């Protein structure tokens, strides 16, 4: 089990390096291998999403972000990214709805932590 955990982390780290070098297809392959080891590895799913966004494949980025939200419905970053992807596609109502959900979740988090709204 520890080997699989280490392997997925190594794949993830290598994918981040590939993404930073703008080797998006290489990064995608590495993120996908990490997700084969752990299909619920949210960080890898997020990285995969950002690769598709960087390549200009907004439809795939949106589909993966929806999957991310299905796995973790209260992930503020996922809702923020979904808003950004919709905006880039000119889907303004959808972008506004996703952005509003990100803000709602952030306010909820702040209330839970006892912090004032920003």
PDB file of N, CA and C in Angstrom:
ATOM      1  N   UNK A   1       0.825  -1.200   0.000  1.00  0.00           N
ATOM      2  CA  UNK A   1       0.000   0.000   0.000  1.00  0.00           C
ATOM      3  C   UNK A   1       0.869   1.264   0.000  1.00  0.00           C
ATOM      4  N   UNK A   2       1.930   1.233   0.810  1.00  0.00           N
ATOM      5  CA  UNK A   2       2.821   2.402   0.869  1.00  0.00           C
ATOM      6  C   UNK A   2       3.493   2.632  -0.475  1.00  0.00           C
ATOM      7  N   UNK A   3       3.810   1.532  -1.188  1.00  0.00           N
ATOM      8  CA  UNK A   3       4.424   1.680  -2.503  1.00  0.00           C
ATOM      9  C   UNK A   3       3.499   2.401  -3.474  1.00  0.00           C
ATOM     10  N   UNK A   4       2.223   2.046  -3.466  1.00  0.00           N
ATOM     11  CA  UNK A   4       1.256   2.701  -4.346  1.00  0.00           C
ATOM     12  C   UNK A   4       1.131   4.182  -3.988  1.00  0.00           C
ATOM     13  N   UNK A   5       1.103   4.478  -2.700  1.00  0.00           N
ATOM     14  CA  UNK A   5       1.007   5.876  -2.249  1.00  0.00           C
ATOM     15  C   UNK A   5       2.234   6.660  -2.707  1.00  0.00           C
ATOM     16  N   UNK A   6       3.410   6.070  -2.536  1.00  0.00           N
ATOM     17  CA  UNK A   6       4.642   6.733  -2.971  1.00  0.00           C
ATOM     18  C   UNK A   6       4.671   6.906  -4.481  1.00  0.00           C
ATOM     19  N   UNK A   7       4.208   5.882  -5.184  1.00  0.00           N
ATOM     20  CA  UNK A   7       4.209   5.941  -6.649  1.00  0.00           C
ATOM     21  C   UNK A   7       3.286   7.047  -7.150  1.00  0.00           C
ATOM     22  N   UNK A   8       2.093   7.147  -6.573  1.00  0.00           N
ATOM     23  CA  UNK A   8       1.168   8.197  -7.036  1.00  0.00           C
ATOM     24  C   UNK A   8       1.731   9.574  -6.725  1.00  0.00           C
ATOM     25  N   UNK A   9       2.399   9.736  -5.586  1.00  0.00           N
ATOM     26  CA  UNK A   9       3.002  11.023  -5.231  1.00  0.00           C
ATOM     27  C   UNK A   9       4.142  11.378  -6.184  1.00  0.00           C
ATOM     28  N   UNK A  10       4.954  10.383  -6.553  1.00  0.00           N
ATOM     29  CA  UNK A  10       6.039  10.621  -7.504  1.00  0.00           C
ATOM     30  C   UNK A  10       5.491  11.018  -8.865  1.00  0.00           C
ATOM     31  N   UNK A  11       4.451  10.320  -9.305  1.00  0.00           N
ATOM     32  CA  UNK A  11       3.814  10.659 -10.584  1.00  0.00           C
ATOM     33  C   UNK A  11       3.265  12.076 -10.540  1.00  0.00           C
ATOM     34  N   UNK A  12       2.625  12.413  -9.435  1.00  0.00           N
ATOM     35  CA  UNK A  12       2.065  13.755  -9.256  1.00  0.00           C
ATOM     36  C   UNK A  12       3.173  14.809  -9.320  1.00  0.00           C
ATOM     37  N   UNK A  13       4.268  14.587  -8.596  1.00  0.00           N
ATOM     38  CA  UNK A  13       5.383  15.535  -8.602  1.00  0.00           C
ATOM     39  C   UNK A  13       5.980  15.683  -9.998  1.00  0.00           C
ATOM     40  N   UNK A  14       6.142  14.568 -10.699  1.00  0.00           N
ATOM     41  CA  UNK A  14       6.671  14.609 -12.070  1.00  0.00           C
ATOM     42  C   UNK A  14       5.705  15.355 -12.996  1.00  0.00           C
ATOM     43  N   UNK A  15       4.411  15.167 -12.772  1.00  0.00           N
ATOM     44  CA  UNK A  15       3.408  15.857 -13.590  1.00  0.00           C
ATOM     45  C   UNK A  15       3.476  17.366 -13.362  1.00  0.00           C
ATOM     46  N   UNK A  16       3.663  17.775 -12.124  1.00  0.00           N
ATOM     47  CA  UNK A  16       3.791  19.209 -11.834  1.00  0.00           C
ATOM     48  C   UNK A  16       4.987  19.791 -12.573  1.00  0.00           C
ATOM     49  N   UNK A  17       6.092  19.062 -12.556  1.00  0.00           N
ATOM     50  CA  UNK A  17       7.293  19.531 -13.269  1.00  0.00           C
ATOM     51  C   UNK A  17       7.029  19.633 -14.769  1.00  0.00           C
ATOM     52  N   UNK A  18       6.360  18.632 -15.329  1.00  0.00           N
ATOM     53  CA  UNK A  18       6.045  18.660 -16.766  1.00  0.00           C
ATOM     54  C   UNK A  18       5.125  19.831 -17.086  1.00  0.00           C
ATOM     55  N   UNK A  19       4.142  20.063 -16.241  1.00  0.00           N
ATOM     56  CA  UNK A  19       3.225  21.197 -16.437  1.00  0.00           C
ATOM     57  C   UNK A  19       4.006  22.508 -16.407  1.00  0.00           C
ATOM     58  N   UNK A  20       4.904  22.648 -15.448  1.00  0.00           N
ATOM     59  CA  UNK A  20       5.697  23.878 -15.330  1.00  0.00           C
ATOM     60  C   UNK A  20       6.554  24.105 -16.571  1.00  0.00           C
ATOM     61  N   UNK A  21       6.978  23.007 -17.204  1.00  0.00           N
ATOM     62  CA  UNK A  21       7.771  23.095 -18.442  1.00  0.00           C
ATOM     63  C   UNK A  21       6.893  23.176 -19.685  1.00  0.00           C
ATOM     64  N   UNK A  22       5.582  23.332 -19.477  1.00  0.00           N
ATOM     65  CA  UNK A  22       4.593  23.424 -20.553  1.00  0.00           C
ATOM     66  C   UNK A  22       4.554  22.165 -21.414  1.00  0.00           C
ATOM     67  N   UNK A  23       4.891  21.026 -20.829  1.00  0.00           N
ATOM     68  CA  UNK A  23       4.788  19.731 -21.494  1.00  0.00           C
ATOM     69  C   UNK A  23       3.463  19.110 -21.057  1.00  0.00           C
ATOM     70  N   UNK A  24       2.385  19.680 -21.571  1.00  0.00           N
ATOM     71  CA  UNK A  24       1.053  19.334 -21.090  1.00  0.00           C
ATOM     72  C   UNK A  24       0.657  17.896 -21.370  1.00  0.00           C
ATOM     73  N   UNK A  25       0.999  17.375 -22.540  1.00  0.00           N
ATOM     74  CA  UNK A  25       0.628  15.995 -22.847  1.00  0.00           C
ATOM     75  C   UNK A  25       1.349  15.022 -21.917  1.00  0.00           C
ATOM     76  N   UNK A  26       2.609  15.310 -21.622  1.00  0.00           N
ATOM     77  CA  UNK A  26       3.366  14.474 -20.681  1.00  0.00           C
ATOM     78  C   UNK A  26       2.736  14.560 -19.289  1.00  0.00           C
ATOM     79  N   UNK A  27       2.392  15.763 -18.878  1.00  0.00           N
ATOM     80  CA  UNK A  27       1.766  15.952 -17.565  1.00  0.00           C
ATOM     81  C   UNK A  27       0.432  15.221 -17.496  1.00  0.00           C
ATOM     82  N   UNK A  28      -0.345  15.293 -18.557  1.00  0.00           N
ATOM     83  CA  UNK A  28      -1.638  14.604 -18.599  1.00  0.00           C
ATOM     84  C   UNK A  28      -1.446  13.108 -18.396  1.00  0.00           C
ATOM     85  N   UNK A  29      -0.478  12.526 -19.097  1.00  0.00           N
ATOM     86  CA  UNK A  29      -0.221  11.086 -18.969  1.00  0.00           C
ATOM     87  C   UNK A  29       0.177  10.728 -17.535  1.00  0.00           C
ATOM     88  N   UNK A  30       0.992  11.566 -16.909  1.00  0.00           N
ATOM     89  CA  UNK A  30       1.428  11.302 -15.536  1.00  0.00           C
ATOM     90  C   UNK A  30       0.275  11.442 -14.546  1.00  0.00           C
ATOM     91  N   UNK A  31      -0.531  12.483 -14.708  1.00  0.00           N
ATOM     92  CA  UNK A  31      -1.701  12.639 -13.829  1.00  0.00           C
ATOM     93  C   UNK A  31      -2.656  11.459 -13.982  1.00  0.00           C
ATOM     94  N   UNK A  32      -2.843  11.010 -15.220  1.00  0.00           N
ATOM     95  CA  UNK A  32      -3.744   9.884 -15.454  1.00  0.00           C
ATOM     96  C   UNK A  32      -3.224   8.610 -14.794  1.00  0.00           C
ATOM     97  N   UNK A  33      -1.916   8.404 -14.821  1.00  0.00           N
ATOM     98  CA  UNK A  33      -1.334   7.234 -14.150  1.00  0.00           C
ATOM     99  C   UNK A  33      -1.554   7.333 -12.639  1.00  0.00           C
ATOM    100  N   UNK A  34      -1.387   8.528 -12.077  1.00  0.00           N
ATOM    101  CA  UNK A  34      -1.634   8.721 -10.639  1.00  0.00           C
ATOM    102  C   UNK A  34      -3.094   8.427 -10.313  1.00  0.00           C
ATOM    103  N   UNK A  35      -3.995   8.835 -11.200  1.00  0.00           N
ATOM    104  CA  UNK A  35      -5.422   8.593 -10.980  1.00  0.00           C
ATOM    105  C   UNK A  35      -5.792   7.124 -11.162  1.00  0.00           C
ATOM    106  N   UNK A  36      -5.023   6.383 -11.954  1.00  0.00           N
ATOM    107  CA  UNK A  36      -5.251   4.942 -12.056  1.00  0.00           C
ATOM    108  C   UNK A  36      -4.951   4.261 -10.719  1.00  0.00           C
ATOM    109  N   UNK A  37      -3.952   4.778 -10.013  1.00  0.00           N
ATOM    110  CA  UNK A  37      -3.599   4.234  -8.699  1.00  0.00           C
ATOM    111  C   UNK A  37      -4.650   4.627  -7.671  1.00  0.00           C
ATOM    112  N   UNK A  38      -5.093   5.881  -7.741  1.00  0.00           N
ATOM    113  CA  UNK A  38      -6.092   6.384  -6.790  1.00  0.00           C
ATOM    114  C   UNK A  38      -7.082   7.277  -7.535  1.00  0.00           C
ATOM    115  N   UNK A  39      -8.205   6.719  -7.984  1.00  0.00           N
ATOM    116  CA  UNK A  39      -9.187   7.488  -8.762  1.00  0.00           C
ATOM    117  C   UNK A  39      -9.765   8.699  -8.025  1.00  0.00           C
ATOM    118  N   UNK A  40      -9.612   8.746  -6.713  1.00  0.00           N
ATOM    119  CA  UNK A  40     -10.148   9.864  -5.938  1.00  0.00           C
ATOM    120  C   UNK A  40      -9.052  10.841  -5.518  1.00  0.00           C
ATOM    121  N   UNK A  41      -7.926  10.799  -6.187  1.00  0.00           N
ATOM    122  CA  UNK A  41      -6.786  11.675  -5.882  1.00  0.00           C
ATOM    123  C   UNK A  41      -7.089  13.070  -6.454  1.00  0.00           C
ATOM    124  N   UNK A  42      -7.697  13.890  -5.613  1.00  0.00           N
ATOM    125  CA  UNK A  42      -8.216  15.193  -6.047  1.00  0.00           C
ATOM    126  C   UNK A  42      -7.116  16.108  -6.582  1.00  0.00           C
ATOM    127  N   UNK A  43      -5.948  16.101  -5.967  1.00  0.00           N
ATOM    128  CA  UNK A  43      -4.866  16.972  -6.445  1.00  0.00           C
ATOM    129  C   UNK A  43      -4.469  16.612  -7.881  1.00  0.00           C
ATOM    130  N   UNK A  44      -4.419  15.325  -8.176  1.00  0.00           N
ATOM    131  CA  UNK A  44      -4.089  14.899  -9.538  1.00  0.00           C
ATOM    132  C   UNK A  44      -5.205  15.269 -10.507  1.00  0.00           C
ATOM    133  N   UNK A  45      -6.432  15.140 -10.067  1.00  0.00           N
ATOM    134  CA  UNK A  45      -7.571  15.516 -10.908  1.00  0.00           C
ATOM    135  C   UNK A  45      -7.537  17.014 -11.208  1.00  0.00           C
ATOM    136  N   UNK A  46      -7.219  17.801 -10.204  1.00  0.00           N
ATOM    137  CA  UNK A  46      -7.102  19.247 -10.403  1.00  0.00           C
ATOM    138  C   UNK A  46      -5.970  19.554 -11.392  1.00  0.00           C
ATOM    139  N   UNK A  47      -4.839  18.914 -11.218  1.00  0.00           N
ATOM    140  CA  UNK A  47      -3.718  19.136 -12.136  1.00  0.00           C
ATOM    141  C   UNK A  47      -4.068  18.762 -13.564  1.00  0.00           C
ATOM    142  N   UNK A  48      -4.758  17.638 -13.716  1.00  0.00           N
ATOM    143  CA  UNK A  48      -5.194  17.193 -15.038  1.00  0.00           C
ATOM    144  C   UNK A  48      -6.103  18.238 -15.676  1.00  0.00           C
ATOM    145  N   UNK A  49      -7.003  18.759 -14.879  1.00  0.00           N
ATOM    146  CA  UNK A  49      -7.918  19.799 -15.352  1.00  0.00           C
ATOM    147  C   UNK A  49      -7.150  21.019 -15.855  1.00  0.00           C
ATOM    148  N   UNK A  50      -6.154  21.437 -15.086  1.00  0.00           N
ATOM    149  CA  UNK A  50      -5.390  22.626 -15.462  1.00  0.00           C
ATOM    150  C   UNK A  50      -4.579  22.397 -16.733  1.00  0.00           C
ATOM    151  N   UNK A  51      -4.141  21.167 -16.961  1.00  0.00           N
ATOM    152  CA  UNK A  51      -3.434  20.851 -18.208  1.00  0.00           C
ATOM    153  C   UNK A  51      -4.354  21.041 -19.410  1.00  0.00           C
ATOM    154  N   UNK A  52      -5.563  20.512 -19.308  1.00  0.00           N
ATOM    155  CA  UNK A  52      -6.501  20.657 -20.418  1.00  0.00           C
ATOM    156  C   UNK A  52      -6.855  22.125 -20.646  1.00  0.00           C
ATOM    157  N   UNK A  53      -7.000  22.865 -19.568  1.00  0.00           N
ATOM    158  CA  UNK A  53      -7.280  24.300 -19.692  1.00  0.00           C
ATOM    159  C   UNK A  53      -6.119  24.993 -20.396  1.00  0.00           C
ATOM    160  N   UNK A  54      -4.885  24.648 -20.024  1.00  0.00           N
ATOM    161  CA  UNK A  54      -3.703  25.263 -20.634  1.00  0.00           C
ATOM    162  C   UNK A  54      -3.601  24.928 -22.119  1.00  0.00           C
ATOM    163  N   UNK A  55      -4.074  23.729 -22.491  1.00  0.00           N
ATOM    164  CA  UNK A  55      -4.065  23.331 -23.899  1.00  0.00           C
ATOM    165  C   UNK A  55      -5.214  23.957 -24.682  1.00  0.00           C
ATOM    166  N   UNK A  56      -6.133  24.613 -23.977  1.00  0.00           N
ATOM    167  CA  UNK A  56      -7.271  25.239 -24.642  1.00  0.00           C
ATOM    168  C   UNK A  56      -8.461  24.316 -24.804  1.00  0.00           C
ATOM    169  N   UNK A  57      -8.417  23.125 -24.201  1.00  0.00           N
ATOM    170  CA  UNK A  57      -9.526  22.176 -24.286  1.00  0.00           C
ATOM    171  C   UNK A  57     -10.463  22.436 -23.100  1.00  0.00           C
ATOM    172  N   UNK A  58     -11.251  23.495 -23.219  1.00  0.00           N
ATOM    173  CA  UNK A  58     -12.127  23.898 -22.122  1.00  0.00           C
ATOM    174  C   UNK A  58     -13.249  22.905 -21.867  1.00  0.00           C
ATOM    175  N   UNK A  59     -13.710  22.225 -22.897  1.00  0.00           N
ATOM    176  CA  UNK A  59     -14.768  21.233 -22.690  1.00  0.00           C
ATOM    177  C   UNK A  59     -14.273  20.116 -21.771  1.00  0.00           C
ATOM    178  N   UNK A  60     -13.058  19.627 -22.018  1.00  0.00           N
ATOM    179  CA  UNK A  60     -12.495  18.576 -21.174  1.00  0.00           C
ATOM    180  C   UNK A  60     -12.222  19.117 -19.767  1.00  0.00           C
ATOM    181  N   UNK A  61     -11.733  20.356 -19.675  1.00  0.00           N
ATOM    182  CA  UNK A  61     -11.482  20.970 -18.367  1.00  0.00           C
ATOM    183  C   UNK A  61     -12.777  21.085 -17.567  1.00  0.00           C
ATOM    184  N   UNK A  62     -13.848  21.462 -18.239  1.00  0.00           N
ATOM    185  CA  UNK A  62     -15.156  21.581 -17.570  1.00  0.00           C
ATOM    186  C   UNK A  62     -15.643  20.208 -17.118  1.00  0.00           C
ATOM    187  N   UNK A  63     -15.533  19.213 -17.986  1.00  0.00           N
ATOM    188  CA  UNK A  63     -15.984  17.862 -17.634  1.00  0.00           C
ATOM    189  C   UNK A  63     -15.215  17.332 -16.412  1.00  0.00           C
ATOM    190  N   UNK A  64     -13.900  17.523 -16.407  1.00  0.00           N
ATOM    191  CA  UNK A  64     -13.088  17.058 -15.284  1.00  0.00           C
ATOM    192  C   UNK A  64     -13.384  17.838 -14.005  1.00  0.00           C
ATOM    193  N   UNK A  65     -13.668  19.132 -14.148  1.00  0.00           N
ATOM    194  CA  UNK A  65     -13.991  19.936 -12.969  1.00  0.00           C
ATOM    195  C   UNK A  65     -15.330  19.501 -12.389  1.00  0.00           C
ATOM    196  N   UNK A  66     -16.264  19.156 -13.232  1.00  0.00           N
ATOM    197  CA  UNK A  66     -17.539  18.619 -12.736  1.00  0.00           C
ATOM    198  C   UNK A  66     -17.313  17.307 -11.984  1.00  0.00           C
ATOM    199  N   UNK A  67     -16.411  16.483 -12.490  1.00  0.00           N
ATOM    200  CA  UNK A  67     -16.059  15.235 -11.798  1.00  0.00           C
ATOM    201  C   UNK A  67     -15.428  15.557 -10.436  1.00  0.00           C
ATOM    202  N   UNK A  68     -14.544  16.553 -10.442  1.00  0.00           N
ATOM    203  CA  UNK A  68     -13.898  16.998  -9.199  1.00  0.00           C
ATOM    204  C   UNK A  68     -14.960  17.433  -8.187  1.00  0.00           C
ATOM    205  N   UNK A  69     -15.918  18.222  -8.628  1.00  0.00           N
ATOM    206  CA  UNK A  69     -16.985  18.707  -7.737  1.00  0.00           C
ATOM    207  C   UNK A  69     -17.854  17.546  -7.255  1.00  0.00           C
ATOM    208  N   UNK A  70     -18.074  16.555  -8.102  1.00  0.00           N
ATOM    209  CA  UNK A  70     -18.839  15.389  -7.676  1.00  0.00           C
ATOM    210  C   UNK A  70     -18.109  14.639  -6.561  1.00  0.00           C
ATOM    211  N   UNK A  71     -16.791  14.610  -6.629  1.00  0.00           N
ATOM    212  CA  UNK A  71     -15.989  13.946  -5.598  1.00  0.00           C
ATOM    213  C   UNK A  71     -15.902  14.790  -4.329  1.00  0.00           C
ATOM    214  N   UNK A  72     -15.816  16.110  -4.506  1.00  0.00           N
ATOM    215  CA  UNK A  72     -15.635  17.014  -3.365  1.00  0.00           C
ATOM    216  C   UNK A  72     -16.480  18.269  -3.588  1.00  0.00           C
ATOM    217  N   UNK A  73     -17.781  18.192  -3.284  1.00  0.00           N
ATOM    218  CA  UNK A  73     -18.714  19.281  -3.609  1.00  0.00           C
ATOM    219  C   UNK A  73     -18.426  20.608  -2.906  1.00  0.00           C
ATOM    220  N   UNK A  74     -17.622  20.599  -1.867  1.00  0.00           N
ATOM    221  CA  UNK A  74     -17.349  21.848  -1.147  1.00  0.00           C
ATOM    222  C   UNK A  74     -15.960  22.407  -1.451  1.00  0.00           C
ATOM    223  N   UNK A  75     -15.341  21.931  -2.520  1.00  0.00           N
ATOM    224  CA  UNK A  75     -14.028  22.434  -2.903  1.00  0.00           C
ATOM    225  C   UNK A  75     -14.197  23.792  -3.593  1.00  0.00           C
ATOM    226  N   UNK A  76     -13.796  24.825  -2.900  1.00  0.00           N
ATOM    227  CA  UNK A  76     -13.953  26.202  -3.399  1.00  0.00           C
ATOM    228  C   UNK A  76     -13.187  26.397  -4.699  1.00  0.00           C
ATOM    229  N   UNK A  77     -11.963  25.875  -4.758  1.00  0.00           N
ATOM    230  CA  UNK A  77     -11.129  26.047  -5.947  1.00  0.00           C
ATOM    231  C   UNK A  77     -11.793  25.424  -7.180  1.00  0.00           C
ATOM    232  N   UNK A  78     -12.406  24.277  -7.014  1.00  0.00           N
ATOM    233  CA  UNK A  78     -13.062  23.622  -8.151  1.00  0.00           C
ATOM    234  C   UNK A  78     -14.190  24.499  -8.705  1.00  0.00           C
ATOM    235  N   UNK A  79     -14.990  25.072  -7.819  1.00  0.00           N
ATOM    236  CA  UNK A  79     -16.080  25.946  -8.273  1.00  0.00           C
ATOM    237  C   UNK A  79     -15.530  27.222  -8.916  1.00  0.00           C
ATOM    238  N   UNK A  80     -14.450  27.743  -8.364  1.00  0.00           N
ATOM    239  CA  UNK A  80     -13.812  28.935  -8.940  1.00  0.00           C
ATOM    240  C   UNK A  80     -13.284  28.625 -10.332  1.00  0.00           C
ATOM    241  N   UNK A  81     -12.613  27.477 -10.475  1.00  0.00           N
ATOM    242  CA  UNK A  81     -12.105  27.075 -11.788  1.00  0.00           C
ATOM    243  C   UNK A  81     -13.230  26.863 -12.780  1.00  0.00           C
ATOM    244  N   UNK A  82     -14.308  26.228 -12.335  1.00  0.00           N
ATOM    245  CA  UNK A  82     -15.443  26.008 -13.224  1.00  0.00           C
ATOM    246  C   UNK A  82     -15.980  27.347 -13.723  1.00  0.00           C
ATOM    247  N   UNK A  83     -16.073  28.321 -12.835  1.00  0.00           N
ATOM    248  CA  UNK A  83     -16.513  29.653 -13.223  1.00  0.00           C
ATOM    249  C   UNK A  83     -15.580  30.246 -14.288  1.00  0.00           C
ATOM    250  N   UNK A  84     -14.281  30.105 -14.054  1.00  0.00           N
ATOM    251  CA  UNK A  84     -13.294  30.639 -14.998  1.00  0.00           C
ATOM    252  C   UNK A  84     -13.412  29.954 -16.360  1.00  0.00           C
ATOM    253  N   UNK A  85     -13.567  28.633 -16.360  1.00  0.00           N
ATOM    254  CA  UNK A  85     -13.664  27.911 -17.626  1.00  0.00           C
ATOM    255  C   UNK A  85     -14.931  28.312 -18.389  1.00  0.00           C
ATOM    256  N   UNK A  86     -16.040  28.420 -17.673  1.00  0.00           N
ATOM    257  CA  UNK A  86     -17.280  28.867 -18.312  1.00  0.00           C
ATOM    258  C   UNK A  86     -17.118  30.268 -18.888  1.00  0.00           C
ATOM    259  N   UNK A  87     -16.479  31.139 -18.130  1.00  0.00           N
ATOM    260  CA  UNK A  87     -16.282  32.513 -18.592  1.00  0.00           C
ATOM    261  C   UNK A  87     -15.463  32.528 -19.883  1.00  0.00           C
ATOM    262  N   UNK A  88     -14.415  31.728 -19.928  1.00  0.00           N
ATOM    263  CA  UNK A  88     -13.565  31.666 -21.129  1.00  0.00           C
ATOM    264  C   UNK A  88     -14.347  31.168 -22.338  1.00  0.00           C
ATOM    265  N   UNK A  89     -15.378  30.348 -22.089  1.00  0.00           N
ATOM    266  CA  UNK A  89     -16.214  29.842 -23.184  1.00  0.00           C
ATOM    267  C   UNK A  89     -17.357  30.796 -23.527  1.00  0.00           C
ATOM    268  N   UNK A  90     -17.478  31.891 -22.772  1.00  0.00           N
ATOM    269  CA  UNK A  90     -18.550  32.839 -23.007  1.00  0.00           C
ATOM    270  C   UNK A  90     -19.874  32.411 -22.406  1.00  0.00           C
ATOM    271  N   UNK A  91     -19.833  31.474 -21.490  1.00  0.00           N
ATOM    272  CA  UNK A  91     -21.042  30.960 -20.836  1.00  0.00           C
ATOM    273  C   UNK A  91     -21.248  31.752 -19.543  1.00  0.00           C
ATOM    274  N   UNK A  92     -21.682  32.992 -19.703  1.00  0.00           N
ATOM    275  CA  UNK A  92     -21.737  33.933 -18.584  1.00  0.00           C
ATOM    276  C   UNK A  92     -22.677  33.491 -17.459  1.00  0.00           C
ATOM    277  N   UNK A  93     -23.921  33.091 -17.732  1.00  0.00           N
ATOM    278  CA  UNK A  93     -24.790  32.680 -16.613  1.00  0.00           C
ATOM    279  C   UNK A  93     -24.208  31.513 -15.808  1.00  0.00           C
ATOM    280  N   UNK A  94     -23.628  30.539 -16.523  1.00  0.00           N
ATOM    281  CA  UNK A  94     -23.027  29.396 -15.840  1.00  0.00           C
ATOM    282  C   UNK A  94     -21.811  29.832 -15.023  1.00  0.00           C
ATOM    283  N   UNK A  95     -21.018  30.754 -15.592  1.00  0.00           N
ATOM    284  CA  UNK A  95     -19.845  31.274 -14.879  1.00  0.00           C
ATOM    285  C   UNK A  95     -20.264  32.004 -13.617  1.00  0.00           C
ATOM    286  N   UNK A  96     -21.319  32.805 -13.726  1.00  0.00           N
ATOM    287  CA  UNK A  96     -21.793  33.543 -12.550  1.00  0.00           C
ATOM    288  C   UNK A  96     -22.321  32.595 -11.481  1.00  0.00           C
ATOM    289  N   UNK A  97     -23.019  31.552 -11.890  1.00  0.00           N
ATOM    290  CA  UNK A  97     -23.554  30.590 -10.920  1.00  0.00           C
ATOM    291  C   UNK A  97     -22.423  29.843 -10.209  1.00  0.00           C
ATOM    292  N   UNK A  98     -21.417  29.416 -10.954  1.00  0.00           N
ATOM    293  CA  UNK A  98     -20.289  28.704 -10.347  1.00  0.00           C
ATOM    294  C   UNK A  98     -19.498  29.635  -9.427  1.00  0.00           C
ATOM    295  N   UNK A  99     -19.328  30.882  -9.840  1.00  0.00           N
ATOM    296  CA  UNK A  99     -18.644  31.858  -8.995  1.00  0.00           C
ATOM    297  C   UNK A  99     -19.409  32.135  -7.717  1.00  0.00           C
ATOM    298  N   UNK A 100     -20.723  32.227  -7.831  1.00  0.00           N
ATOM    299  CA  UNK A 100     -21.559  32.464  -6.650  1.00  0.00           C
ATOM    300  C   UNK A 100     -21.458  31.283  -5.682  1.00  0.00           C
ATOM    301  N   UNK A 101     -21.402  30.068  -6.215  1.00  0.00           N
ATOM    302  CA  UNK A 101     -21.268  28.893  -5.353  1.00  0.00           C
ATOM    303  C   UNK A 101     -19.904  28.896  -4.652  1.00  0.00           C
ATOM    304  N   UNK A 102     -18.863  29.298  -5.357  1.00  0.00           N
ATOM    305  CA  UNK A 102     -17.538  29.392  -4.725  1.00  0.00           C
ATOM    306  C   UNK A 102     -17.561  30.396  -3.578  1.00  0.00           C
ATOM    307  N   UNK A 103     -18.195  31.539  -3.789  1.00  0.00           N
ATOM    308  CA  UNK A 103     -18.293  32.553  -2.721  1.00  0.00           C
ATOM    309  C   UNK A 103     -19.117  32.038  -1.549  1.00  0.00           C
ATOM    310  N   UNK A 104     -20.220  31.360  -1.841  1.00  0.00           N
ATOM    311  CA  UNK A 104     -21.049  30.814  -0.775  1.00  0.00           C
ATOM    312  C   UNK A 104     -20.261  29.818   0.075  1.00  0.00           C
ATOM    313  N   UNK A 105     -19.518  28.956  -0.599  1.00  0.00           N
ATOM    314  CA  UNK A 105     -18.721  27.973   0.125  1.00  0.00           C
ATOM    315  C   UNK A 105     -17.623  28.638   0.949  1.00  0.00           C
ATOM    316  N   UNK A 106     -17.044  29.699   0.409  1.00  0.00           N
ATOM    317  CA  UNK A 106     -16.011  30.417   1.157  1.00  0.00           C
ATOM    318  C   UNK A 106     -16.608  31.095   2.387  1.00  0.00           C
ATOM    319  N   UNK A 107     -17.767  31.701   2.243  1.00  0.00           N
ATOM    320  CA  UNK A 107     -18.427  32.323   3.400  1.00  0.00           C
ATOM    321  C   UNK A 107     -18.756  31.263   4.447  1.00  0.00           C
ATOM    322  N   UNK A 108     -19.231  30.121   3.977  1.00  0.00           N
ATOM    323  CA  UNK A 108     -19.552  29.022   4.890  1.00  0.00           C
ATOM    324  C   UNK A 108     -18.300  28.587   5.658  1.00  0.00           C
ATOM    325  N   UNK A 109     -17.184  28.476   4.935  1.00  0.00           N
ATOM    326  CA  UNK A 109     -15.915  28.104   5.564  1.00  0.00           C
ATOM    327  C   UNK A 109     -15.494  29.149   6.591  1.00  0.00           C
ATOM    328  N   UNK A 110     -15.632  30.435   6.224  1.00  0.00           N
ATOM    329  CA  UNK A 110     -15.237  31.505   7.127  1.00  0.00           C
ATOM    330  C   UNK A 110     -16.106  31.499   8.389  1.00  0.00           C
ATOM    331  N   UNK A 111     -17.402  31.292   8.225  1.00  0.00           N
ATOM    332  CA  UNK A 111     -18.290  31.236   9.376  1.00  0.00           C
ATOM    333  C   UNK A 111     -17.924  30.080  10.299  1.00  0.00           C
ATOM    334  N   UNK A 112     -17.613  28.952   9.693  1.00  0.00           N
ATOM    335  CA  UNK A 112     -17.234  27.771  10.461  1.00  0.00           C
ATOM    336  C   UNK A 112     -15.954  28.032  11.258  1.00  0.00           C
ATOM    337  N   UNK A 113     -15.039  28.793  10.637  1.00  0.00           N
ATOM    338  CA  UNK A 113     -13.769  29.108  11.297  1.00  0.00           C
ATOM    339  C   UNK A 113     -13.896  30.317  12.220  1.00  0.00           C
ATOM    340  N   UNK A 114     -15.058  30.986  12.186  1.00  0.00           N
ATOM    341  CA  UNK A 114     -15.266  32.153  13.035  1.00  0.00           C
ATOM    342  C   UNK A 114     -14.620  33.423  12.524  1.00  0.00           C
ATOM    343  N   UNK A 115     -14.371  33.470  11.203  1.00  0.00           N
ATOM    344  CA  UNK A 115     -13.744  34.649  10.603  1.00  0.00           C
ATOM    345  C   UNK A 115     -14.816  35.511   9.933  1.00  0.00           C
ATOM    346  N   UNK A 116     -14.606  36.833   9.915  1.00  0.00           N
ATOM    347  CA  UNK A 116     -15.565  37.706   9.220  1.00  0.00           C
ATOM    348  C   UNK A 116     -15.473  37.538   7.708  1.00  0.00           C
ATOM    349  N   UNK A 117     -16.565  37.838   7.034  1.00  0.00           N
ATOM    350  CA  UNK A 117     -16.583  37.795   5.566  1.00  0.00           C
ATOM    351  C   UNK A 117     -15.625  38.839   5.022  1.00  0.00           C
ATOM    352  N   UNK A 118     -14.995  38.504   3.918  1.00  0.00           N
ATOM    353  CA  UNK A 118     -14.070  39.445   3.259  1.00  0.00           C
ATOM    354  C   UNK A 118     -14.838  40.378   2.362  1.00  0.00           C
TER     355      UNK A 118
END
